[in-house]
C-alpha atoms as a PDB file:
ATOM      1  CA  MET A   1      -0.049   0.285  -0.143  1.00  0.00           C
ATOM      2  CA  ALA A   2       1.212   3.356  -0.760  1.00  0.00           C
ATOM      3  CA  ILE A   3       1.979   5.619   1.961  1.00  0.00           C
ATOM      4  CA  PRO A   4       0.055   9.119   1.328  1.00  0.00           C
ATOM      5  CA  GLY A   5       2.568  11.988   1.055  1.00  0.00           C
ATOM      6  CA  THR A   6       0.904  14.163   3.996  1.00  0.00           C
ATOM      7  CA  VAL A   7       1.671  11.224   6.348  1.00  0.00           C
ATOM      8  CA  LEU A   8       5.425  10.310   5.097  1.00  0.00           C
ATOM      9  CA  ALA A   9       5.732  14.570   5.562  1.00  0.00           C
ATOM     10  CA  SER A  10       4.465  14.621   9.124  1.00  0.00           C
ATOM     11  CA  SER A  11       6.392  11.480  10.176  1.00  0.00           C
ATOM     12  CA  ALA A  12       9.406  12.870   9.182  1.00  0.00           C
ATOM     13  CA  PHE A  13       9.303  15.649  10.849  1.00  0.00           C
ATOM     14  CA  ALA A  14       8.073  13.870  13.664  1.00  0.00           C
ATOM     15  CA  LEU A  15      11.067  11.517  13.529  1.00  0.00           C
ATOM     16  CA  LEU A  16      13.190  14.111  13.160  1.00  0.00           C
ATOM     17  CA  GLY A  17      11.640  15.814  16.379  1.00  0.00           C
ATOM     18  CA  ALA A  18      12.025  12.504  18.116  1.00  0.00           C
ATOM     19  CA  LEU A  19      15.887  12.408  17.293  1.00  0.00           C
ATOM     20  CA  LEU A  20      16.379  16.160  18.541  1.00  0.00           C
ATOM     21  CA  TYR A  21      14.002  15.262  21.625  1.00  0.00           C
ATOM     22  CA  ALA A  22      16.800  12.648  22.441  1.00  0.00           C
ATOM     23  CA  ALA A  23      19.633  14.745  22.197  1.00  0.00           C
ATOM     24  CA  VAL A  24      18.400  17.202  24.334  1.00  0.00           C
ATOM     25  CA  GLY A  25      17.299  14.660  26.793  1.00  0.00           C
ATOM     26  CA  ARG A  26      21.012  13.216  26.767  1.00  0.00           C
ATOM     27  CA  ARG A  27      22.645  16.483  27.183  1.00  0.00           C
ATOM     28  CA  VAL A  28      20.154  17.588  30.003  1.00  0.00           C
ATOM     29  CA  SER A  29      21.040  14.078  31.530  1.00  0.00           C
ATOM     30  CA  LEU A  30      24.627  13.968  31.293  1.00  0.00           C
ATOM     31  CA  ARG A  31      24.436  17.415  33.067  1.00  0.00           C
ATOM     32  CA  GLY A  32      22.576  16.297  35.953  1.00  0.00           C
ATOM     33  CA  ALA A  33      24.418  12.865  36.427  1.00  0.00           C
ATOM     34  CA  SER A  34      24.410  13.987  40.267  1.00  0.00           C
ATOM     35  CA  HIS A  35      21.379  16.449  40.314  1.00  0.00           C
ATOM     36  CA  LEU A  36      18.311  14.194  40.582  1.00  0.00           C
ATOM     37  CA  PRO A  37      15.799  17.740  39.372  1.00  0.00           C
ATOM     38  CA  LEU A  38      18.092  17.890  36.077  1.00  0.00           C
ATOM     39  CA  ARG A  39      17.792  14.009  35.222  1.00  0.00           C
ATOM     40  CA  LEU A  40      14.043  14.611  35.888  1.00  0.00           C
ATOM     41  CA  PHE A  41      14.269  17.003  33.370  1.00  0.00           C
ATOM     42  CA  GLY A  42      15.963  15.130  30.708  1.00  0.00           C
ATOM     43  CA  LEU A  43      13.325  12.427  31.460  1.00  0.00           C
ATOM     44  CA  PHE A  44      10.901  14.939  30.241  1.00  0.00           C
ATOM     45  CA  TRP A  45      12.618  14.873  26.920  1.00  0.00           C
ATOM     46  CA  LEU A  46      13.303  11.535  26.367  1.00  0.00           C
ATOM     47  CA  GLY A  47       9.929  10.724  27.067  1.00  0.00           C
ATOM     48  CA  MET A  48       8.926  13.381  24.439  1.00  0.00           C
ATOM     49  CA  ALA A  49      11.613  11.700  22.039  1.00  0.00           C
ATOM     50  CA  ALA A  50       9.728   8.329  22.893  1.00  0.00           C
ATOM     51  CA  TYR A  51       6.286   9.575  22.334  1.00  0.00           C
ATOM     52  CA  ALA A  52       7.503  10.723  18.997  1.00  0.00           C
ATOM     53  CA  LEU A  53       9.210   7.966  17.503  1.00  0.00           C
ATOM     54  CA  LEU A  54       5.907   5.569  18.321  1.00  0.00           C
ATOM     55  CA  ASP A  55       3.585   7.911  16.829  1.00  0.00           C
ATOM     56  CA  ALA A  56       5.386   8.401  13.733  1.00  0.00           C
ATOM     57  CA  SER A  57       6.364   4.531  13.065  1.00  0.00           C
ATOM     58  CA  TRP A  58       2.874   3.568  13.939  1.00  0.00           C
ATOM     59  CA  ALA A  59       1.359   6.397  11.586  1.00  0.00           C
ATOM     60  CA  LEU A  60       3.938   4.625   8.828  1.00  0.00           C
ATOM     61  CA  ALA A  61       3.081   0.964   9.597  1.00  0.00           C
ATOM     62  CA  VAL A  62      -0.539   1.510   9.453  1.00  0.00           C
ATOM     63  CA  ALA A  63      -0.516   3.352   6.144  1.00  0.00           C
ATOM     64  CA  ALA A  64       1.514   0.770   4.581  1.00  0.00           C
ATOM     65  CA  TRP A  65       0.394  -2.817   5.994  1.00  0.00           C
ATOM     66  CA  ASP A  66      -2.793  -4.098   7.749  1.00  0.00           C
ATOM     67  CA  VAL A  67      -1.280  -3.921  11.346  1.00  0.00           C
ATOM     68  CA  PRO A  68      -3.157  -6.188  13.991  1.00  0.00           C
ATOM     69  CA  LEU A  69      -5.535  -3.865  16.337  1.00  0.00           C
ATOM     70  CA  ALA A  70      -3.589  -5.512  19.162  1.00  0.00           C
ATOM     71  CA  ALA A  71      -0.266  -4.454  18.032  1.00  0.00           C
ATOM     72  CA  SER A  72      -1.723  -0.928  17.647  1.00  0.00           C
ATOM     73  CA  LEU A  73      -3.071  -0.761  21.248  1.00  0.00           C
ATOM     74  CA  VAL A  74       0.428  -1.990  22.478  1.00  0.00           C
ATOM     75  CA  VAL A  75       1.638   1.314  20.716  1.00  0.00           C
ATOM     76  CA  LEU A  76      -1.376   2.955  22.412  1.00  0.00           C
ATOM     77  CA  HIS A  77      -0.061   1.934  25.654  1.00  0.00           C
ATOM     78  CA  LEU A  78       3.368   2.559  25.167  1.00  0.00           C
ATOM     79  CA  LYS A  79       2.752   6.112  23.952  1.00  0.00           C
ATOM     80  CA  ILE A  80       0.592   6.711  27.180  1.00  0.00           C
ATOM     81  CA  ALA A  81       3.460   5.558  29.215  1.00  0.00           C
ATOM     82  CA  ALA A  82       6.037   8.231  27.386  1.00  0.00           C
ATOM     83  CA  ALA A  83       3.541  11.210  27.684  1.00  0.00           C
ATOM     84  CA  VAL A  84       2.778  10.742  31.439  1.00  0.00           C
ATOM     85  CA  ALA A  85       6.438   9.615  32.277  1.00  0.00           C
ATOM     86  CA  ALA A  86       7.491  12.838  30.576  1.00  0.00           C
ATOM     87  CA  PHE A  87       4.735  15.085  31.930  1.00  0.00           C
ATOM     88  CA  GLY A  88       5.660  13.766  35.195  1.00  0.00           C
ATOM     89  CA  GLY A  89       9.395  14.623  34.838  1.00  0.00           C
ATOM     90  CA  LEU A  90       8.690  17.932  33.906  1.00  0.00           C
ATOM     91  CA  VAL A  91       6.386  18.836  36.749  1.00  0.00           C
ATOM     92  CA  ALA A  92       8.824  16.923  39.455  1.00  0.00           C
ATOM     93  CA  TYR A  93      11.309  18.943  37.846  1.00  0.00           C
ATOM     94  CA  LEU A  94       9.932  22.458  38.272  1.00  0.00           C
ATOM     95  CA  LEU A  95       8.509  21.523  42.019  1.00  0.00           C
ATOM     96  CA  ALA A  96      11.953  20.750  43.293  1.00  0.00           C
ATOM     97  CA  ILE A  97      13.607  23.841  42.033  1.00  0.00           C
ATOM     98  CA  TYR A  98      10.614  25.791  43.531  1.00  0.00           C
ATOM     99  CA  THR A  99      10.931  23.788  46.822  1.00  0.00           C
ATOM    100  CA  GLY A 100      14.301  23.082  47.095  1.00  0.00           C
ATOM    101  CA  ARG A 101      13.674  20.031  48.318  1.00  0.00           C
ATOM    102  CA  GLU A 102      14.241  16.696  46.177  1.00  0.00           C
ATOM    103  CA  ARG A 103      11.957  14.334  47.984  1.00  0.00           C
ATOM    104  CA  VAL A 104       8.794  16.608  46.608  1.00  0.00           C
ATOM    105  CA  THR A 105       9.650  14.397  43.298  1.00  0.00           C
ATOM    106  CA  TRP A 106       8.737  11.114  44.290  1.00  0.00           C
ATOM    107  CA  VAL A 107       5.315  12.628  45.563  1.00  0.00           C
ATOM    108  CA  VAL A 108       5.047  13.952  41.892  1.00  0.00           C
ATOM    109  CA  LEU A 109       6.256  10.597  40.276  1.00  0.00           C
ATOM    110  CA  ALA A 110       3.407   8.772  42.675  1.00  0.00           C
ATOM    111  CA  ALA A 111       0.967  10.916  41.513  1.00  0.00           C
ATOM    112  CA  TYR A 112       1.886  10.345  37.645  1.00  0.00           C
ATOM    113  CA  LEU A 113       1.565   6.625  38.262  1.00  0.00           C
ATOM    114  CA  GLY A 114      -1.985   7.218  39.296  1.00  0.00           C
ATOM    115  CA  LEU A 115      -2.449   9.371  36.520  1.00  0.00           C
ATOM    116  CA  PHE A 116      -0.921   6.526  33.845  1.00  0.00           C
ATOM    117  CA  VAL A 117      -3.801   4.381  35.392  1.00  0.00           C
ATOM    118  CA  LEU A 118      -6.350   6.393  34.651  1.00  0.00           C
ATOM    119  CA  VAL A 119      -5.290   7.671  31.414  1.00  0.00           C
ATOM    120  CA  THR A 120      -4.922   3.723  30.634  1.00  0.00           C
ATOM    121  CA  TYR A 121      -8.218   3.049  32.220  1.00  0.00           C
ATOM    122  CA  PHE A 122      -9.859   5.768  30.133  1.00  0.00           C
ATOM    123  CA  TYR A 123      -8.651   4.424  26.875  1.00  0.00           C
ATOM    124  CA  VAL A 124      -9.747   0.904  27.770  1.00  0.00           C
ATOM    125  CA  TRP A 125     -13.268   2.338  28.667  1.00  0.00           C
ATOM    126  CA  ARG A 126     -13.349   3.696  25.273  1.00  0.00           C
ATOM    127  CA  GLY A 127     -13.276   0.450  23.747  1.00  0.00           C
ATOM    128  CA  PRO A 128     -10.624   0.400  20.698  1.00  0.00           C
ATOM    129  CA  VAL A 129     -12.969  -1.134  18.069  1.00  0.00           C
ATOM    130  CA  GLY A 130     -10.240   0.009  15.091  1.00  0.00           C
ATOM    131  CA  GLN A 131      -8.022   2.134  13.312  1.00  0.00           C
ATOM    132  CA  HIS A 132      -7.708   3.989  10.080  1.00  0.00           C
ATOM    133  CA  VAL A 133      -5.103   6.691   8.371  1.00  0.00           C
ATOM    134  CA  THR A 134      -5.705   9.923   8.716  1.00  0.00           C
ATOM    135  CA  THR A 135      -4.399  13.014   6.713  1.00  0.00           C
ATOM    136  CA  TRP A 136      -1.075  13.410   9.094  1.00  0.00           C
ATOM    137  CA  GLY A 137      -1.085  10.289  10.611  1.00  0.00           C
ATOM    138  CA  ALA A 138      -3.235   7.382  11.861  1.00  0.00           C
ATOM    139  CA  SER A 139      -6.322   7.293  14.674  1.00  0.00           C
ATOM    140  CA  LEU A 140      -8.032   4.558  16.276  1.00  0.00           C
ATOM    141  CA  ASP A 141     -11.796   4.129  16.627  1.00  0.00           C
ATOM    142  CA  TYR A 142     -13.122   3.808  19.525  1.00  0.00           C
ATOM    143  CA  ALA A 143     -17.300   2.433  20.794  1.00  0.00           C
ATOM    144  CA  ARG A 144     -17.911   5.247  22.842  1.00  0.00           C
ATOM    145  CA  PRO A 145     -17.140   9.014  22.490  1.00  0.00           C
ATOM    146  CA  GLY A 146     -15.064  10.610  24.965  1.00  0.00           C
ATOM    147  CA  GLY A 147     -17.175  12.813  26.582  1.00  0.00           C
ATOM    148  CA  LEU A 148     -16.466  14.856  30.199  1.00  0.00           C
ATOM    149  CA  PHE A 149     -14.305  11.829  30.971  1.00  0.00           C
ATOM    150  CA  GLN A 150     -11.950  12.812  27.853  1.00  0.00           C
ATOM    151  CA  GLN A 151     -11.816  16.348  29.045  1.00  0.00           C
ATOM    152  CA  ALA A 152     -11.009  15.776  32.184  1.00  0.00           C
ATOM    153  CA  VAL A 153      -8.136  13.507  31.119  1.00  0.00           C
ATOM    154  CA  VAL A 154      -7.113  16.336  28.957  1.00  0.00           C
ATOM    155  CA  VAL A 155      -6.967  18.404  32.302  1.00  0.00           C
ATOM    156  CA  LEU A 156      -5.403  16.241  34.236  1.00  0.00           C
ATOM    157  CA  LEU A 157      -2.418  15.516  31.564  1.00  0.00           C
ATOM    158  CA  PHE A 158      -1.479  19.065  30.068  1.00  0.00           C
ATOM    159  CA  VAL A 159      -2.396  21.985  32.822  1.00  0.00           C
ATOM    160  CA  PRO A 160       0.109  20.737  35.045  1.00  0.00           C
ATOM    161  CA  PRO A 161       3.000  20.537  32.477  1.00  0.00           C
ATOM    162  CA  ALA A 162       1.388  23.900  30.809  1.00  0.00           C
ATOM    163  CA  ALA A 163       1.569  25.446  34.190  1.00  0.00           C
ATOM    164  CA  SER A 164       5.068  24.230  34.774  1.00  0.00           C
ATOM    165  CA  ALA A 165       6.373  25.681  31.445  1.00  0.00           C
ATOM    166  CA  VAL A 166       4.938  28.958  32.819  1.00  0.00           C
ATOM    167  CA  ALA A 167       6.854  28.566  35.882  1.00  0.00           C
ATOM    168  CA  TYR A 168      10.352  27.952  34.068  1.00  0.00           C
ATOM    169  CA  ALA A 169       9.839  31.623  32.403  1.00  0.00           C
ATOM    170  CA  LEU A 170       9.424  32.906  36.271  1.00  0.00           C
ATOM    171  CA  LEU A 171      12.721  31.769  36.886  1.00  0.00           C
ATOM    172  CA  LEU A 172      13.870  34.814  35.278  1.00  0.00           C
ATOM    173  CA  ARG A 173      12.945  36.668  38.141  1.00  0.00           C
ATOM    174  CA  VAL A 174      15.324  35.069  40.612  1.00  0.00           C
ATOM    175  CA  VAL A 175      18.742  34.300  37.802  1.00  0.00           C
ATOM    176  CA  GLU A 176      21.135  37.428  37.343  1.00  0.00           C
ATOM    177  CA  GLU A 177      23.672  36.099  34.710  1.00  0.00           C
ATOM    178  CA  ARG A 178      23.171  36.805  31.464  1.00  0.00           C
ATOM    179  CA  GLU A 179      24.244  33.998  30.003  1.00  0.00           C
ATOM    180  CA  ALA A 180      21.552  31.753  32.486  1.00  0.00           C
ATOM    181  CA  ARG A 181      18.787  34.134  31.813  1.00  0.00           C
ATOM    182  CA  ARG A 182      19.211  33.763  27.777  1.00  0.00           C
ATOM    183  CA  ARG A 183      19.202  30.222  28.592  1.00  0.00           C
ATOM    184  CA  VAL A 184      15.746  30.538  30.606  1.00  0.00           C
ATOM    185  CA  LEU A 185      14.489  32.762  28.020  1.00  0.00           C
ATOM    186  CA  ALA A 186      15.179  30.398  25.152  1.00  0.00           C
ATOM    187  CA  THR A 187      14.067  26.849  27.002  1.00  0.00           C
ATOM    188  CA  SER A 188      10.800  28.814  28.324  1.00  0.00           C
ATOM    189  CA  SER A 189       9.953  29.874  25.110  1.00  0.00           C
ATOM    190  CA  ALA A 190      10.391  26.413  23.577  1.00  0.00           C
ATOM    191  CA  LEU A 191       8.079  24.956  26.104  1.00  0.00           C
ATOM    192  CA  ALA A 192       5.534  27.295  25.440  1.00  0.00           C
ATOM    193  CA  VAL A 193       5.490  26.666  21.825  1.00  0.00           C
ATOM    194  CA  LEU A 194       5.505  22.899  22.106  1.00  0.00           C
ATOM    195  CA  PHE A 195       2.764  22.897  25.010  1.00  0.00           C
ATOM    196  CA  ALA A 196       0.532  25.525  22.370  1.00  0.00           C
ATOM    197  CA  GLY A 197       1.424  22.617  19.727  1.00  0.00           C
ATOM    198  CA  LEU A 198      -0.033  19.500  21.553  1.00  0.00           C
ATOM    199  CA  THR A 199      -2.892  21.748  23.108  1.00  0.00           C
ATOM    200  CA  LEU A 200      -3.941  23.028  19.555  1.00  0.00           C
ATOM    201  CA  GLY A 201      -3.344  19.524  18.357  1.00  0.00           C
ATOM    202  CA  TRP A 202      -6.577  18.515  19.663  1.00  0.00           C
ATOM    203  CA  LEU A 203      -8.401  20.673  17.437  1.00  0.00           C
ATOM    204  CA  ASP A 204      -7.181  19.519  14.255  1.00  0.00           C
ATOM    205  CA  GLY A 205     -10.386  18.551  13.253  1.00  0.00           C
ATOM    206  CA  LYS A 206     -10.948  22.364  12.669  1.00  0.00           C
ATOM    207  CA  TRP A 207      -7.810  23.157  11.174  1.00  0.00           C
ATOM    208  CA  PRO A 208      -6.748  19.794   8.820  1.00  0.00           C
ATOM    209  CA  TRP A 209      -3.435  21.735   7.860  1.00  0.00           C
ATOM    210  CA  TRP A 210      -2.299  21.191  12.136  1.00  0.00           C
ATOM    211  CA  GLY A 211      -0.980  18.190  12.059  1.00  0.00           C
ATOM    212  CA  LEU A 212       2.116  19.308  10.149  1.00  0.00           C
ATOM    213  CA  ALA A 213       2.174  22.548  11.832  1.00  0.00           C
ATOM    214  CA  GLU A 214       2.625  21.307  15.340  1.00  0.00           C
ATOM    215  CA  LYS A 215       5.275  18.867  14.075  1.00  0.00           C
ATOM    216  CA  VAL A 216       7.102  21.885  12.539  1.00  0.00           C
ATOM    217  CA  LEU A 217       6.511  23.843  15.899  1.00  0.00           C
ATOM    218  CA  ALA A 218       7.657  20.877  17.961  1.00  0.00           C
ATOM    219  CA  VAL A 219      11.090  20.305  15.908  1.00  0.00           C
ATOM    220  CA  SER A 220      11.873  24.508  16.224  1.00  0.00           C
ATOM    221  CA  ALA A 221      11.124  23.822  20.218  1.00  0.00           C
ATOM    222  CA  ALA A 222      13.693  21.277  20.216  1.00  0.00           C
ATOM    223  CA  LEU A 223      16.669  23.181  18.139  1.00  0.00           C
ATOM    224  CA  VAL A 224      16.187  26.405  20.363  1.00  0.00           C
ATOM    225  CA  VAL A 225      16.555  24.006  23.469  1.00  0.00           C
ATOM    226  CA  LEU A 226      19.641  22.341  21.854  1.00  0.00           C
ATOM    227  CA  TRP A 227      20.930  26.038  21.038  1.00  0.00           C
ATOM    228  CA  THR A 228      20.764  26.624  24.790  1.00  0.00           C
ATOM    229  CA  LEU A 229      22.814  23.315  25.668  1.00  0.00           C
ATOM    230  CA  ARG A 230      25.618  24.331  23.046  1.00  0.00           C
ATOM    231  CA  GLU A 231      27.798  25.364  26.232  1.00  0.00           C
ATOM    232  CA  PRO A 232      28.043  23.945  29.352  1.00  0.00           C
ATOM    233  CA  ALA A 233      25.797  25.388  31.668  1.00  0.00           C
ATOM    234  CA  ARG A 234      27.205  27.592  34.443  1.00  0.00           C
ATOM    235  CA  ALA A 235      23.587  28.139  36.524  1.00  0.00           C
ATOM    236  CA  ALA A 236      21.531  26.014  37.755  1.00  0.00           C
END
C-alpha cells in the first residue's frame, strides 16, 4: 500500500523531532548526573522523544500494512507511558527547583503513576474497535465518545506541565547571570511553543493543516533548546 505524502511528511518531521528530543534529553541527563531534578528534566525530553518515535512509526506502519489492532493497542499504551513519564518529569523538576526539596519529586512521580493508571483505564473504557489513516497520521476508532471523561483527562495531562512551562519562565526573576537568563528565556519559550502545539493538536479537526504545523513547531522548539545547551551550563 502506498503511503500518502502527507503522512510521510508528518512522520518525517516527527522522527526528526524524536532525534532532537533524544539529543536534548541526553545532554540534560549528562549535566544532571548527580542532580536528580535535572535528570527528571532529561526524562521529560526522552519521554517526548519516545512518544514521537512511537507515534510516527505507528502511523507509517498503519499506512503501509494491515497492522493488527492488538499491535496498535500495545503502541497506544507505550505512548501513554511515554507521555505520562515525560510530563511527570517536567512537573517534578520544576517543583524541586521551586521548593528546594528533592523529596517532592517522589510525591509527583507517585501521582503520575496514578495518572498513568487513569489514562490507561480511559482508553480501555472507550473500547478501541479499529484504526484508520488520517491526513497526517493514523488514529484509533472507539466504541464510546470521550465526553466529559476525555475533557478531564486532557486537563490532568496538559494543565500541570503547561503551568510548569510558565513556572520555568518565572525563574527569570531569580536568575541574574546574563547567559543563564538567556538560557531560561529560550527554554521557556520553546516549552511554550511545544505545549501550545500539543494543546491545539486536539483541534486538528478544525484546522486540517495543523497536523504538520504541530510537528514543525515541535522540531523548532527542540532546536532552540539544543542551542541553549551548546555550552556547559554555569547556573542551575
